[in-house]
N, C-alpha and C. Protein backbone atom coordinates (compact mmCIF):
# COMPACT_ATOMS: atom_id res chain seq x y z
N MET A 1 75.03 67.65 71.89
CA MET A 1 74.12 66.50 71.86
C MET A 1 74.46 65.53 70.74
N ASN A 2 75.00 66.03 69.62
CA ASN A 2 75.33 65.13 68.52
C ASN A 2 76.38 64.10 68.93
N SER A 3 77.40 64.54 69.70
CA SER A 3 78.44 63.60 70.13
C SER A 3 77.87 62.58 71.11
N PHE A 4 76.93 63.00 71.96
CA PHE A 4 76.33 62.04 72.88
C PHE A 4 75.56 60.98 72.12
N LYS A 5 74.78 61.39 71.14
CA LYS A 5 74.01 60.43 70.37
C LYS A 5 74.91 59.49 69.58
N GLU A 6 76.03 60.00 69.08
CA GLU A 6 76.92 59.19 68.27
C GLU A 6 77.81 58.29 69.14
N ASP A 7 78.44 58.86 70.15
CA ASP A 7 79.40 58.12 70.97
C ASP A 7 78.76 57.45 72.18
N GLY A 8 77.65 58.00 72.65
CA GLY A 8 76.96 57.40 73.80
C GLY A 8 77.41 57.96 75.13
N TYR A 9 78.28 58.99 75.13
CA TYR A 9 78.71 59.55 76.41
C TYR A 9 79.16 60.99 76.22
N VAL A 10 79.20 61.72 77.33
CA VAL A 10 79.74 63.08 77.34
C VAL A 10 80.33 63.32 78.73
N ILE A 11 81.46 64.03 78.79
CA ILE A 11 82.15 64.29 80.05
C ILE A 11 81.97 65.74 80.47
N VAL A 12 81.69 65.96 81.74
CA VAL A 12 81.63 67.31 82.32
C VAL A 12 82.92 67.50 83.11
N HIS A 13 83.82 68.31 82.57
CA HIS A 13 85.14 68.50 83.16
C HIS A 13 85.13 69.58 84.24
N ASP A 14 86.21 69.59 85.04
CA ASP A 14 86.44 70.64 86.04
C ASP A 14 85.21 70.87 86.91
N LEU A 15 84.69 69.80 87.43
CA LEU A 15 83.50 69.86 88.27
C LEU A 15 83.91 70.34 89.67
N ASP A 16 83.26 71.39 90.14
CA ASP A 16 83.64 71.98 91.42
C ASP A 16 82.94 71.28 92.58
N ILE A 17 83.29 70.02 92.76
CA ILE A 17 82.78 69.23 93.89
C ILE A 17 83.95 68.99 94.83
N PRO A 18 83.87 69.48 96.07
CA PRO A 18 85.00 69.28 96.99
C PRO A 18 85.14 67.83 97.39
N THR A 19 86.34 67.42 97.72
CA THR A 19 86.58 66.08 98.25
C THR A 19 86.03 66.06 99.67
N SER A 20 84.90 65.40 99.84
CA SER A 20 84.18 65.46 101.10
C SER A 20 84.80 64.52 102.14
N VAL A 21 84.89 65.02 103.37
CA VAL A 21 85.33 64.17 104.48
C VAL A 21 84.38 62.99 104.62
N LYS A 22 83.10 63.22 104.36
CA LYS A 22 82.11 62.15 104.46
C LYS A 22 82.40 61.05 103.46
N VAL A 23 82.76 61.42 102.24
CA VAL A 23 83.07 60.43 101.21
C VAL A 23 84.28 59.60 101.62
N GLU A 24 85.32 60.28 102.08
CA GLU A 24 86.53 59.56 102.51
C GLU A 24 86.23 58.64 103.70
N ALA A 25 85.39 59.12 104.61
CA ALA A 25 85.03 58.29 105.77
C ALA A 25 84.26 57.05 105.33
N LEU A 26 83.37 57.22 104.36
CA LEU A 26 82.63 56.07 103.84
C LEU A 26 83.57 55.05 103.22
N ALA A 27 84.54 55.54 102.44
CA ALA A 27 85.48 54.65 101.79
C ALA A 27 86.30 53.87 102.82
N GLN A 28 86.77 54.54 103.85
CA GLN A 28 87.58 53.88 104.85
C GLN A 28 86.76 52.91 105.69
N THR A 29 85.52 53.28 105.99
CA THR A 29 84.63 52.37 106.70
C THR A 29 84.40 51.11 105.89
N ALA A 30 84.22 51.29 104.59
CA ALA A 30 83.98 50.15 103.70
C ALA A 30 85.13 49.16 103.75
N ALA A 31 86.35 49.66 103.87
CA ALA A 31 87.52 48.78 103.84
C ALA A 31 87.56 47.84 105.04
N GLY A 32 86.86 48.20 106.11
CA GLY A 32 86.86 47.35 107.30
C GLY A 32 85.70 46.39 107.38
N LEU A 33 84.87 46.33 106.35
CA LEU A 33 83.70 45.46 106.39
C LEU A 33 84.07 44.00 106.21
N ARG A 34 83.34 43.15 106.92
CA ARG A 34 83.48 41.71 106.73
C ARG A 34 82.25 41.20 105.99
N GLN A 35 82.39 40.08 105.31
CA GLN A 35 81.29 39.50 104.57
C GLN A 35 80.09 39.21 105.48
N ASP A 36 80.34 38.81 106.72
CA ASP A 36 79.26 38.43 107.61
C ASP A 36 78.74 39.59 108.47
N LYS A 37 79.29 40.78 108.29
CA LYS A 37 78.86 41.93 109.07
C LYS A 37 78.83 43.16 108.18
N HIS A 38 78.15 43.07 107.04
CA HIS A 38 78.25 44.19 106.10
C HIS A 38 77.12 45.21 106.27
N GLY A 39 75.86 44.82 106.34
CA GLY A 39 74.78 45.76 106.62
C GLY A 39 74.74 46.96 105.69
N ASN A 40 73.75 47.82 105.92
CA ASN A 40 73.66 49.12 105.22
C ASN A 40 73.75 49.01 103.71
N LYS A 41 73.28 47.91 103.16
CA LYS A 41 73.21 47.72 101.70
C LYS A 41 74.58 47.67 101.03
N TRP A 42 75.61 47.33 101.77
CA TRP A 42 76.91 47.14 101.14
C TRP A 42 76.93 45.83 100.38
N ILE A 43 77.47 45.86 99.18
CA ILE A 43 77.71 44.66 98.37
C ILE A 43 79.22 44.42 98.36
N LEU A 44 79.64 43.23 98.78
CA LEU A 44 81.06 42.95 98.90
C LEU A 44 81.55 42.04 97.79
N ASN A 45 82.75 42.33 97.29
CA ASN A 45 83.43 41.42 96.38
C ASN A 45 83.96 40.22 97.16
N ALA A 46 84.45 40.50 98.36
CA ALA A 46 85.04 39.50 99.25
C ALA A 46 85.17 40.16 100.61
N PRO A 47 85.45 39.42 101.67
CA PRO A 47 85.68 40.07 102.97
C PRO A 47 86.74 41.16 102.86
N PHE A 48 86.41 42.32 103.42
CA PHE A 48 87.31 43.48 103.42
C PHE A 48 87.56 44.04 102.01
N ASN A 49 86.73 43.68 101.05
CA ASN A 49 86.85 44.23 99.71
C ASN A 49 85.46 44.57 99.18
N PRO A 50 84.88 45.69 99.64
CA PRO A 50 83.52 46.06 99.22
C PRO A 50 83.49 46.55 97.78
N CYS A 51 82.42 46.20 97.09
CA CYS A 51 82.22 46.70 95.73
C CYS A 51 81.50 48.03 95.76
N LYS A 52 80.33 48.07 96.45
CA LYS A 52 79.53 49.29 96.38
C LYS A 52 78.55 49.35 97.54
N LEU A 53 78.06 50.56 97.77
CA LEU A 53 76.98 50.81 98.71
C LEU A 53 75.73 51.14 97.90
N ASP A 54 74.74 50.26 97.92
CA ASP A 54 73.47 50.56 97.25
C ASP A 54 72.69 51.60 98.06
N GLY A 55 71.87 52.38 97.38
CA GLY A 55 71.09 53.41 98.08
C GLY A 55 71.97 54.50 98.65
N ALA A 56 73.00 54.90 97.90
CA ALA A 56 73.98 55.88 98.40
C ALA A 56 73.33 57.22 98.71
N PHE A 57 72.23 57.56 98.04
CA PHE A 57 71.62 58.86 98.26
C PHE A 57 70.81 58.91 99.55
N ASP A 58 70.82 57.84 100.34
CA ASP A 58 70.33 57.94 101.71
C ASP A 58 71.27 58.80 102.55
N VAL A 59 72.50 58.99 102.06
CA VAL A 59 73.48 59.88 102.70
C VAL A 59 73.28 61.28 102.12
N PRO A 60 72.79 62.25 102.91
CA PRO A 60 72.44 63.57 102.35
C PRO A 60 73.56 64.24 101.59
N GLU A 61 74.80 64.13 102.09
CA GLU A 61 75.92 64.79 101.42
C GLU A 61 76.13 64.25 100.01
N LEU A 62 75.87 62.97 99.82
CA LEU A 62 76.00 62.37 98.49
C LEU A 62 74.82 62.77 97.61
N ARG A 63 73.64 62.79 98.18
CA ARG A 63 72.44 63.13 97.41
C ARG A 63 72.52 64.54 96.83
N GLU A 64 73.14 65.45 97.57
CA GLU A 64 73.24 66.83 97.12
C GLU A 64 74.04 66.95 95.82
N ILE A 65 74.97 66.04 95.59
CA ILE A 65 75.78 66.11 94.37
C ILE A 65 74.91 66.03 93.12
N ALA A 66 73.82 65.26 93.20
CA ALA A 66 72.92 65.12 92.04
C ALA A 66 72.18 66.41 91.73
N ARG A 67 72.19 67.35 92.67
CA ARG A 67 71.54 68.65 92.45
C ARG A 67 72.51 69.70 91.93
N HIS A 68 73.72 69.31 91.66
CA HIS A 68 74.71 70.26 91.14
C HIS A 68 74.16 70.90 89.86
N PRO A 69 74.17 72.23 89.76
CA PRO A 69 73.55 72.90 88.60
C PRO A 69 74.07 72.42 87.25
N ARG A 70 75.37 72.17 87.15
CA ARG A 70 75.92 71.74 85.85
C ARG A 70 75.45 70.33 85.49
N LEU A 71 75.30 69.49 86.49
CA LEU A 71 74.82 68.14 86.22
C LEU A 71 73.35 68.15 85.83
N LEU A 72 72.57 68.93 86.54
CA LEU A 72 71.14 69.03 86.20
C LEU A 72 70.95 69.61 84.80
N GLU A 73 71.72 70.63 84.48
CA GLU A 73 71.62 71.24 83.15
C GLU A 73 71.90 70.20 82.06
N LYS A 74 72.95 69.41 82.24
CA LYS A 74 73.31 68.42 81.23
C LYS A 74 72.28 67.30 81.17
N ALA A 75 71.79 66.85 82.31
CA ALA A 75 70.78 65.79 82.32
C ALA A 75 69.50 66.24 81.61
N ARG A 76 69.10 67.47 81.87
CA ARG A 76 67.88 67.99 81.23
C ARG A 76 68.08 68.16 79.73
N GLU A 77 69.28 68.55 79.33
CA GLU A 77 69.57 68.68 77.90
C GLU A 77 69.50 67.32 77.21
N ILE A 78 70.09 66.29 77.82
CA ILE A 78 70.12 64.96 77.21
C ILE A 78 68.73 64.35 77.15
N LEU A 79 67.96 64.50 78.23
CA LEU A 79 66.66 63.83 78.32
C LEU A 79 65.51 64.69 77.79
N GLY A 80 65.76 65.97 77.54
CA GLY A 80 64.70 66.83 77.03
C GLY A 80 63.55 66.97 78.00
N GLU A 81 63.87 67.00 79.29
CA GLU A 81 62.84 67.03 80.33
C GLU A 81 63.40 67.80 81.52
N THR A 82 62.57 68.65 82.14
CA THR A 82 63.04 69.43 83.28
C THR A 82 62.72 68.77 84.61
N GLU A 83 61.64 68.00 84.68
CA GLU A 83 61.25 67.36 85.93
C GLU A 83 61.91 65.98 86.02
N LEU A 84 62.91 65.86 86.90
CA LEU A 84 63.71 64.64 86.95
C LEU A 84 63.75 64.05 88.36
N ASP A 85 63.95 62.74 88.40
CA ASP A 85 64.27 62.02 89.64
C ASP A 85 65.65 61.40 89.48
N THR A 86 66.26 61.05 90.62
CA THR A 86 67.43 60.17 90.57
C THR A 86 66.96 58.74 90.85
N TYR A 87 67.74 57.79 90.36
CA TYR A 87 67.32 56.39 90.41
C TYR A 87 68.54 55.50 90.63
N ILE A 88 68.42 54.54 91.55
CA ILE A 88 69.44 53.53 91.84
C ILE A 88 70.83 54.16 92.03
N SER A 89 71.03 54.76 93.19
CA SER A 89 72.30 55.42 93.50
C SER A 89 73.27 54.43 94.14
N LYS A 90 74.55 54.54 93.76
CA LYS A 90 75.60 53.65 94.27
C LYS A 90 76.83 54.47 94.64
N PHE A 91 77.51 54.06 95.69
CA PHE A 91 78.81 54.62 96.05
C PHE A 91 79.86 53.53 95.93
N PHE A 92 80.92 53.80 95.16
CA PHE A 92 81.99 52.84 94.95
C PHE A 92 83.26 53.34 95.66
N PRO A 93 83.71 52.66 96.72
CA PRO A 93 84.91 53.13 97.42
C PRO A 93 86.20 52.83 96.68
N MET A 94 86.23 51.76 95.88
CA MET A 94 87.44 51.34 95.17
C MET A 94 88.65 51.44 96.10
N ILE A 95 88.71 50.53 97.06
CA ILE A 95 89.75 50.61 98.09
C ILE A 95 91.13 50.32 97.49
N PRO A 96 92.18 50.83 98.12
CA PRO A 96 93.53 50.69 97.56
C PRO A 96 93.95 49.23 97.39
N GLY A 97 94.63 48.98 96.31
CA GLY A 97 95.30 47.69 96.12
C GLY A 97 94.47 46.56 95.57
N LYS A 98 93.13 46.62 95.74
CA LYS A 98 92.33 45.47 95.32
C LYS A 98 90.88 45.80 94.99
N GLY A 99 90.46 47.05 95.11
CA GLY A 99 89.07 47.38 94.81
C GLY A 99 88.73 47.14 93.35
N PHE A 100 87.56 46.54 93.11
CA PHE A 100 87.13 46.35 91.72
C PHE A 100 85.62 46.33 91.64
N SER A 101 85.13 46.51 90.43
CA SER A 101 83.70 46.47 90.16
C SER A 101 83.47 45.51 89.00
N VAL A 102 82.23 45.45 88.52
CA VAL A 102 81.88 44.51 87.46
C VAL A 102 82.64 44.86 86.18
N ASP A 103 82.98 43.84 85.41
CA ASP A 103 83.71 44.01 84.16
C ASP A 103 82.77 44.59 83.09
N TRP A 104 83.12 44.46 81.82
CA TRP A 104 82.35 45.05 80.73
C TRP A 104 80.86 44.73 80.88
N HIS A 105 80.03 45.78 80.87
CA HIS A 105 78.60 45.59 81.04
C HIS A 105 77.84 46.81 80.54
N GLN A 106 76.54 46.66 80.44
CA GLN A 106 75.61 47.76 80.16
C GLN A 106 74.73 47.93 81.39
N ASP A 107 74.55 49.15 81.86
CA ASP A 107 73.65 49.38 82.99
C ASP A 107 72.25 48.87 82.69
N ASN A 108 71.86 48.97 81.43
CA ASN A 108 70.49 48.60 81.08
C ASN A 108 70.25 47.09 81.14
N PHE A 109 71.29 46.28 81.22
CA PHE A 109 71.08 44.86 81.44
C PHE A 109 70.37 44.65 82.77
N TYR A 110 70.68 45.48 83.75
CA TYR A 110 70.10 45.37 85.08
C TYR A 110 68.82 46.19 85.22
N ILE A 111 68.69 47.27 84.43
CA ILE A 111 67.57 48.19 84.60
C ILE A 111 66.39 47.85 83.69
N ARG A 112 66.70 47.46 82.45
CA ARG A 112 65.68 47.18 81.43
C ARG A 112 64.81 48.41 81.15
N GLY A 113 65.46 49.57 81.05
CA GLY A 113 64.72 50.82 80.90
C GLY A 113 64.73 51.35 79.48
N ASP A 114 64.13 52.52 79.32
CA ASP A 114 64.02 53.23 78.05
C ASP A 114 65.10 54.31 78.03
N SER A 115 66.07 54.20 77.14
CA SER A 115 67.19 55.14 77.11
C SER A 115 66.75 56.55 76.73
N ARG A 116 65.54 56.71 76.24
CA ARG A 116 65.03 58.05 75.95
C ARG A 116 64.54 58.73 77.22
N ARG A 117 64.32 57.95 78.27
CA ARG A 117 63.76 58.48 79.52
C ARG A 117 64.74 58.47 80.68
N MET A 118 65.90 57.91 80.50
CA MET A 118 66.87 57.90 81.59
C MET A 118 68.28 57.85 81.05
N VAL A 119 69.20 58.36 81.86
CA VAL A 119 70.61 58.40 81.47
C VAL A 119 71.46 58.14 82.71
N SER A 120 72.58 57.45 82.54
CA SER A 120 73.48 57.17 83.65
C SER A 120 74.42 58.35 83.88
N CYS A 121 74.75 58.58 85.15
CA CYS A 121 75.69 59.62 85.51
C CYS A 121 76.65 59.06 86.56
N ASP A 122 77.94 59.23 86.36
CA ASP A 122 78.97 58.86 87.33
C ASP A 122 79.79 60.09 87.67
N VAL A 123 80.05 60.29 88.94
CA VAL A 123 80.92 61.37 89.39
C VAL A 123 82.14 60.75 90.06
N PHE A 124 83.31 61.10 89.58
CA PHE A 124 84.58 60.62 90.14
C PHE A 124 85.15 61.74 91.00
N ILE A 125 85.08 61.52 92.30
CA ILE A 125 85.38 62.58 93.27
C ILE A 125 86.80 63.10 93.14
N ASN A 126 87.76 62.22 92.92
CA ASN A 126 89.16 62.61 92.79
C ASN A 126 89.72 62.33 91.40
N GLY A 127 88.85 62.22 90.41
CA GLY A 127 89.30 61.82 89.08
C GLY A 127 89.61 60.33 89.06
N CYS A 128 90.21 59.88 87.97
CA CYS A 128 90.56 58.45 87.88
C CYS A 128 91.59 58.25 86.77
N ASN A 129 92.28 57.13 86.86
CA ASN A 129 93.16 56.66 85.79
C ASN A 129 93.19 55.14 85.87
N PRO A 130 93.76 54.47 84.87
CA PRO A 130 93.72 53.00 84.89
C PRO A 130 94.31 52.37 86.15
N GLU A 131 95.39 52.94 86.68
CA GLU A 131 95.99 52.36 87.88
C GLU A 131 95.06 52.47 89.09
N ARG A 132 94.31 53.56 89.16
CA ARG A 132 93.41 53.79 90.31
C ARG A 132 91.98 53.32 90.01
N GLY A 133 91.83 52.27 89.26
CA GLY A 133 90.49 51.72 89.03
C GLY A 133 89.65 52.57 88.11
N GLY A 134 90.26 53.16 87.10
CA GLY A 134 89.57 54.08 86.21
C GLY A 134 88.52 53.44 85.33
N LEU A 135 87.65 54.30 84.81
CA LEU A 135 86.57 53.86 83.92
C LEU A 135 87.11 53.67 82.51
N ARG A 136 86.60 52.64 81.85
CA ARG A 136 86.90 52.42 80.43
C ARG A 136 85.58 52.18 79.71
N LEU A 137 85.50 52.60 78.46
CA LEU A 137 84.23 52.50 77.74
C LEU A 137 84.48 52.29 76.25
N ILE A 138 83.43 51.86 75.58
CA ILE A 138 83.49 51.59 74.14
C ILE A 138 82.54 52.54 73.42
N PRO A 139 83.07 53.60 72.79
CA PRO A 139 82.20 54.56 72.10
C PRO A 139 81.32 53.88 71.06
N GLY A 140 80.07 54.31 71.00
CA GLY A 140 79.14 53.79 70.00
C GLY A 140 78.54 52.44 70.33
N SER A 141 78.97 51.81 71.43
CA SER A 141 78.47 50.46 71.74
C SER A 141 77.01 50.45 72.17
N HIS A 142 76.45 51.62 72.48
CA HIS A 142 75.02 51.68 72.81
C HIS A 142 74.14 51.41 71.60
N ARG A 143 74.75 51.43 70.41
CA ARG A 143 74.00 51.18 69.18
C ARG A 143 74.23 49.77 68.64
N LYS A 144 74.93 48.92 69.42
CA LYS A 144 75.21 47.55 68.99
C LYS A 144 74.46 46.56 69.88
N ASN A 145 74.21 45.38 69.33
CA ASN A 145 73.60 44.31 70.11
C ASN A 145 74.70 43.55 70.86
N MET A 146 74.72 43.69 72.17
CA MET A 146 75.74 43.06 73.01
C MET A 146 75.06 42.07 73.95
N VAL A 147 75.72 40.96 74.22
CA VAL A 147 75.13 39.90 75.04
C VAL A 147 75.92 39.74 76.33
N HIS A 148 75.24 39.81 77.46
CA HIS A 148 75.85 39.51 78.76
C HIS A 148 75.90 37.99 78.90
N ASP A 149 77.09 37.43 78.69
CA ASP A 149 77.20 35.97 78.61
C ASP A 149 78.04 35.37 79.72
N LYS A 150 78.43 36.18 80.71
CA LYS A 150 79.18 35.67 81.84
C LYS A 150 78.50 36.12 83.13
N ARG A 151 78.60 35.28 84.15
CA ARG A 151 77.94 35.60 85.41
C ARG A 151 78.76 35.06 86.57
N ASP A 152 78.82 35.86 87.65
CA ASP A 152 79.49 35.44 88.87
C ASP A 152 78.70 36.00 90.04
N GLY A 153 77.84 35.18 90.63
CA GLY A 153 77.01 35.64 91.74
C GLY A 153 76.07 36.74 91.31
N PHE A 154 76.24 37.92 91.93
CA PHE A 154 75.34 39.05 91.67
C PHE A 154 75.58 39.68 90.31
N PHE A 155 76.78 39.51 89.75
CA PHE A 155 77.18 40.28 88.57
C PHE A 155 77.05 39.47 87.28
N SER A 156 76.72 40.18 86.20
CA SER A 156 76.77 39.63 84.85
C SER A 156 77.55 40.59 83.98
N TRP A 157 78.31 40.05 83.05
CA TRP A 157 79.10 40.93 82.21
C TRP A 157 79.27 40.35 80.81
N ILE A 158 79.88 41.15 79.94
CA ILE A 158 80.05 40.80 78.54
C ILE A 158 81.48 40.30 78.34
N ASN A 159 81.61 39.13 77.78
CA ASN A 159 82.92 38.57 77.48
C ASN A 159 83.28 38.99 76.06
N LEU A 160 84.17 39.97 75.92
CA LEU A 160 84.47 40.47 74.58
C LEU A 160 85.97 40.50 74.32
N ASN A 161 86.29 40.45 73.05
CA ASN A 161 87.69 40.57 72.61
C ASN A 161 87.98 42.06 72.43
N THR A 162 88.79 42.63 73.32
CA THR A 162 89.02 44.07 73.28
C THR A 162 89.73 44.51 72.01
N ASN A 163 90.37 43.59 71.30
CA ASN A 163 91.03 43.95 70.04
C ASN A 163 90.03 44.30 68.95
N ASP A 164 88.78 43.94 69.16
CA ASP A 164 87.75 44.19 68.15
C ASP A 164 87.10 45.56 68.29
N TYR A 165 87.46 46.32 69.32
CA TYR A 165 86.75 47.57 69.60
C TYR A 165 87.73 48.71 69.90
N GLU A 166 87.26 49.91 69.62
CA GLU A 166 87.95 51.10 70.10
C GLU A 166 87.61 51.27 71.58
N ILE A 167 88.60 51.39 72.43
CA ILE A 167 88.37 51.52 73.86
C ILE A 167 88.97 52.83 74.37
N ILE A 168 88.18 53.55 75.15
CA ILE A 168 88.64 54.78 75.78
C ILE A 168 88.90 54.48 77.26
N ASN A 169 90.14 54.68 77.70
CA ASN A 169 90.50 54.57 79.11
C ASN A 169 90.62 55.97 79.69
N LEU A 170 89.74 56.32 80.59
CA LEU A 170 89.73 57.68 81.11
C LEU A 170 90.92 57.92 82.04
N ASN A 171 91.56 59.06 81.85
CA ASN A 171 92.72 59.45 82.65
C ASN A 171 92.59 60.93 82.94
N ILE A 172 91.88 61.25 84.02
CA ILE A 172 91.54 62.63 84.37
C ILE A 172 91.87 62.83 85.84
N ASP A 173 92.70 63.79 86.17
CA ASP A 173 93.20 63.92 87.53
C ASP A 173 92.43 64.92 88.39
N LYS A 174 91.27 65.37 87.92
CA LYS A 174 90.43 66.29 88.68
C LYS A 174 89.02 65.73 88.77
N PRO A 175 88.21 66.21 89.72
CA PRO A 175 86.82 65.76 89.79
C PRO A 175 86.09 65.99 88.46
N PHE A 176 85.34 65.01 88.02
CA PHE A 176 84.57 65.14 86.78
C PHE A 176 83.35 64.24 86.84
N ALA A 177 82.45 64.47 85.93
CA ALA A 177 81.26 63.62 85.78
C ALA A 177 81.21 63.11 84.36
N ILE A 178 80.62 61.95 84.18
CA ILE A 178 80.38 61.43 82.85
C ILE A 178 78.93 60.97 82.76
N PHE A 179 78.26 61.41 81.71
CA PHE A 179 76.92 60.93 81.40
C PHE A 179 77.06 59.91 80.28
N PHE A 180 76.35 58.79 80.39
CA PHE A 180 76.38 57.85 79.27
C PHE A 180 75.05 57.14 79.11
N ASP A 181 74.80 56.79 77.86
CA ASP A 181 73.59 56.04 77.50
C ASP A 181 73.55 54.76 78.33
N ILE A 182 72.38 54.39 78.82
CA ILE A 182 72.28 53.20 79.68
C ILE A 182 72.62 51.92 78.94
N ASN A 183 72.75 51.98 77.61
CA ASN A 183 73.16 50.82 76.83
C ASN A 183 74.65 50.83 76.46
N LEU A 184 75.39 51.85 76.89
CA LEU A 184 76.81 51.93 76.55
C LEU A 184 77.59 50.86 77.33
N VAL A 185 78.48 50.16 76.64
CA VAL A 185 79.30 49.14 77.29
C VAL A 185 80.48 49.82 77.98
N HIS A 186 80.66 49.51 79.26
CA HIS A 186 81.74 50.13 80.04
C HIS A 186 82.14 49.20 81.18
N GLY A 187 83.24 49.51 81.82
CA GLY A 187 83.72 48.74 82.96
C GLY A 187 84.83 49.52 83.64
N CYS A 188 85.40 48.96 84.70
CA CYS A 188 86.47 49.63 85.43
C CYS A 188 87.67 48.70 85.60
N PHE A 189 88.85 49.30 85.64
CA PHE A 189 90.04 48.57 86.01
C PHE A 189 90.00 48.26 87.51
N THR A 190 90.77 47.27 87.93
CA THR A 190 91.01 47.06 89.36
C THR A 190 91.91 48.18 89.87
N ASN A 191 91.66 48.60 91.09
CA ASN A 191 92.49 49.64 91.69
C ASN A 191 93.78 49.01 92.22
N SER A 192 94.86 49.21 91.49
CA SER A 192 96.15 48.65 91.89
C SER A 192 97.02 49.67 92.62
N SER A 193 96.49 50.86 92.84
CA SER A 193 97.26 51.93 93.48
C SER A 193 97.14 51.84 95.00
N ASN A 194 97.77 52.79 95.71
CA ASN A 194 97.65 52.85 97.17
C ASN A 194 96.70 53.96 97.61
N GLU A 195 95.81 54.38 96.71
CA GLU A 195 94.85 55.43 96.99
C GLU A 195 93.42 54.93 96.79
N TYR A 196 92.48 55.52 97.54
CA TYR A 196 91.07 55.28 97.26
C TYR A 196 90.69 55.95 95.95
N ARG A 197 89.68 55.39 95.27
CA ARG A 197 89.16 56.03 94.06
C ARG A 197 87.63 56.08 94.18
N PRO A 198 87.11 56.96 95.07
CA PRO A 198 85.68 57.00 95.31
C PRO A 198 84.90 57.58 94.14
N SER A 199 83.74 56.99 93.86
CA SER A 199 82.84 57.54 92.84
C SER A 199 81.41 57.28 93.26
N ILE A 200 80.52 58.06 92.68
CA ILE A 200 79.09 57.94 92.94
C ILE A 200 78.40 57.82 91.59
N ALA A 201 77.48 56.88 91.49
CA ALA A 201 76.80 56.64 90.21
C ALA A 201 75.29 56.55 90.44
N TRP A 202 74.55 57.03 89.47
CA TRP A 202 73.10 56.95 89.53
C TRP A 202 72.55 57.19 88.14
N GLU A 203 71.24 57.08 88.01
CA GLU A 203 70.56 57.46 86.78
C GLU A 203 69.67 58.67 87.06
N TYR A 204 69.62 59.59 86.11
CA TYR A 204 68.55 60.59 86.07
C TYR A 204 67.45 60.02 85.20
N LYS A 205 66.21 60.23 85.60
CA LYS A 205 65.09 59.73 84.79
C LYS A 205 63.94 60.72 84.80
N HIS A 206 63.08 60.60 83.80
CA HIS A 206 61.86 61.41 83.77
C HIS A 206 61.05 61.14 85.03
N ARG A 207 60.55 62.19 85.64
CA ARG A 207 59.75 62.02 86.85
C ARG A 207 58.52 61.16 86.55
N GLY A 208 58.29 60.18 87.41
CA GLY A 208 57.14 59.30 87.26
C GLY A 208 57.42 58.05 86.45
N TYR A 209 58.50 58.05 85.69
CA TYR A 209 58.84 56.86 84.91
C TYR A 209 59.52 55.83 85.80
N LEU A 210 59.05 54.58 85.74
CA LEU A 210 59.64 53.51 86.54
C LEU A 210 59.95 52.34 85.63
N PRO A 211 61.23 52.09 85.36
CA PRO A 211 61.61 50.96 84.49
C PRO A 211 61.40 49.64 85.21
N PRO A 212 61.41 48.52 84.49
CA PRO A 212 61.16 47.22 85.12
C PRO A 212 62.16 46.87 86.23
N THR A 213 63.46 47.01 85.95
CA THR A 213 64.54 46.71 86.90
C THR A 213 64.43 45.29 87.46
N HIS A 214 65.57 44.60 87.52
CA HIS A 214 65.55 43.22 88.03
C HIS A 214 66.88 42.90 88.69
N ASN A 215 67.01 41.68 89.13
CA ASN A 215 68.27 41.14 89.64
C ASN A 215 68.72 41.81 90.94
N GLY A 216 67.74 42.13 91.80
CA GLY A 216 68.07 42.61 93.13
C GLY A 216 68.38 44.08 93.26
N HIS A 217 68.30 44.84 92.18
CA HIS A 217 68.59 46.26 92.30
C HIS A 217 67.49 46.98 93.07
N GLN A 218 67.86 48.11 93.67
CA GLN A 218 66.97 48.83 94.58
C GLN A 218 66.05 49.77 93.79
N SER A 219 65.01 49.21 93.17
CA SER A 219 64.14 50.04 92.32
C SER A 219 63.35 51.06 93.13
N GLN A 220 63.30 50.91 94.48
CA GLN A 220 62.63 51.90 95.31
C GLN A 220 63.54 53.08 95.64
N ASP A 221 64.78 53.03 95.18
CA ASP A 221 65.76 54.08 95.46
C ASP A 221 65.54 55.23 94.48
N ILE A 222 64.55 56.07 94.78
CA ILE A 222 64.18 57.19 93.91
C ILE A 222 64.13 58.46 94.74
N HIS A 223 64.71 59.54 94.24
CA HIS A 223 64.66 60.83 94.91
C HIS A 223 64.28 61.90 93.90
N GLU A 224 63.34 62.75 94.28
CA GLU A 224 62.96 63.85 93.41
C GLU A 224 64.04 64.93 93.44
N ILE A 225 64.26 65.54 92.29
CA ILE A 225 65.18 66.67 92.19
C ILE A 225 64.36 67.93 92.14
N ARG A 226 64.47 68.74 93.17
CA ARG A 226 63.71 69.99 93.24
C ARG A 226 64.66 71.18 93.17
């Protein structure tokens, strides 16, 4: 817990989550979406380049991942609470050659929540590295005042000089999860490889706690963890 409080994140390695046929099917389906025929809460970067599927836990196979014993154990340890819900679930297909997500940002810019009551969790189904759209983060940035000063449509991000910060680029070739403070600054590389880089992201929160949430996020996307 000391490293989480200091750095703002902790990684759960060697996660025994199989590469699901359902996940791969979702990723491939996403690659065929058009801007004018997207449906099902897909958010697109551009035609045939989906960013994410909001409300991913409507898919039972994805929702079950949040019940993984190791993930629940870590979430309960971080939040000091046993009764938890999941909140605002997303599936990122990161399609080959051009998949991307929002640049440097804090989840809490969109959630406006209490970091003592909720924590972000991302699961990378096949691992990640910079070439395959990997996650990058700035340790300790959850304790700094950062300003989201750039905006492009749905997304807002932080325009920062990377030379001013220590940056961790994750390079892990097996399934893993990362928990991070909702105020931690992070982002992803563009997927320049010829492989999908699927991931699932959500927040664990104290049961009954509902943060303000704004900017079109699906605040009704809540599932109890039993």
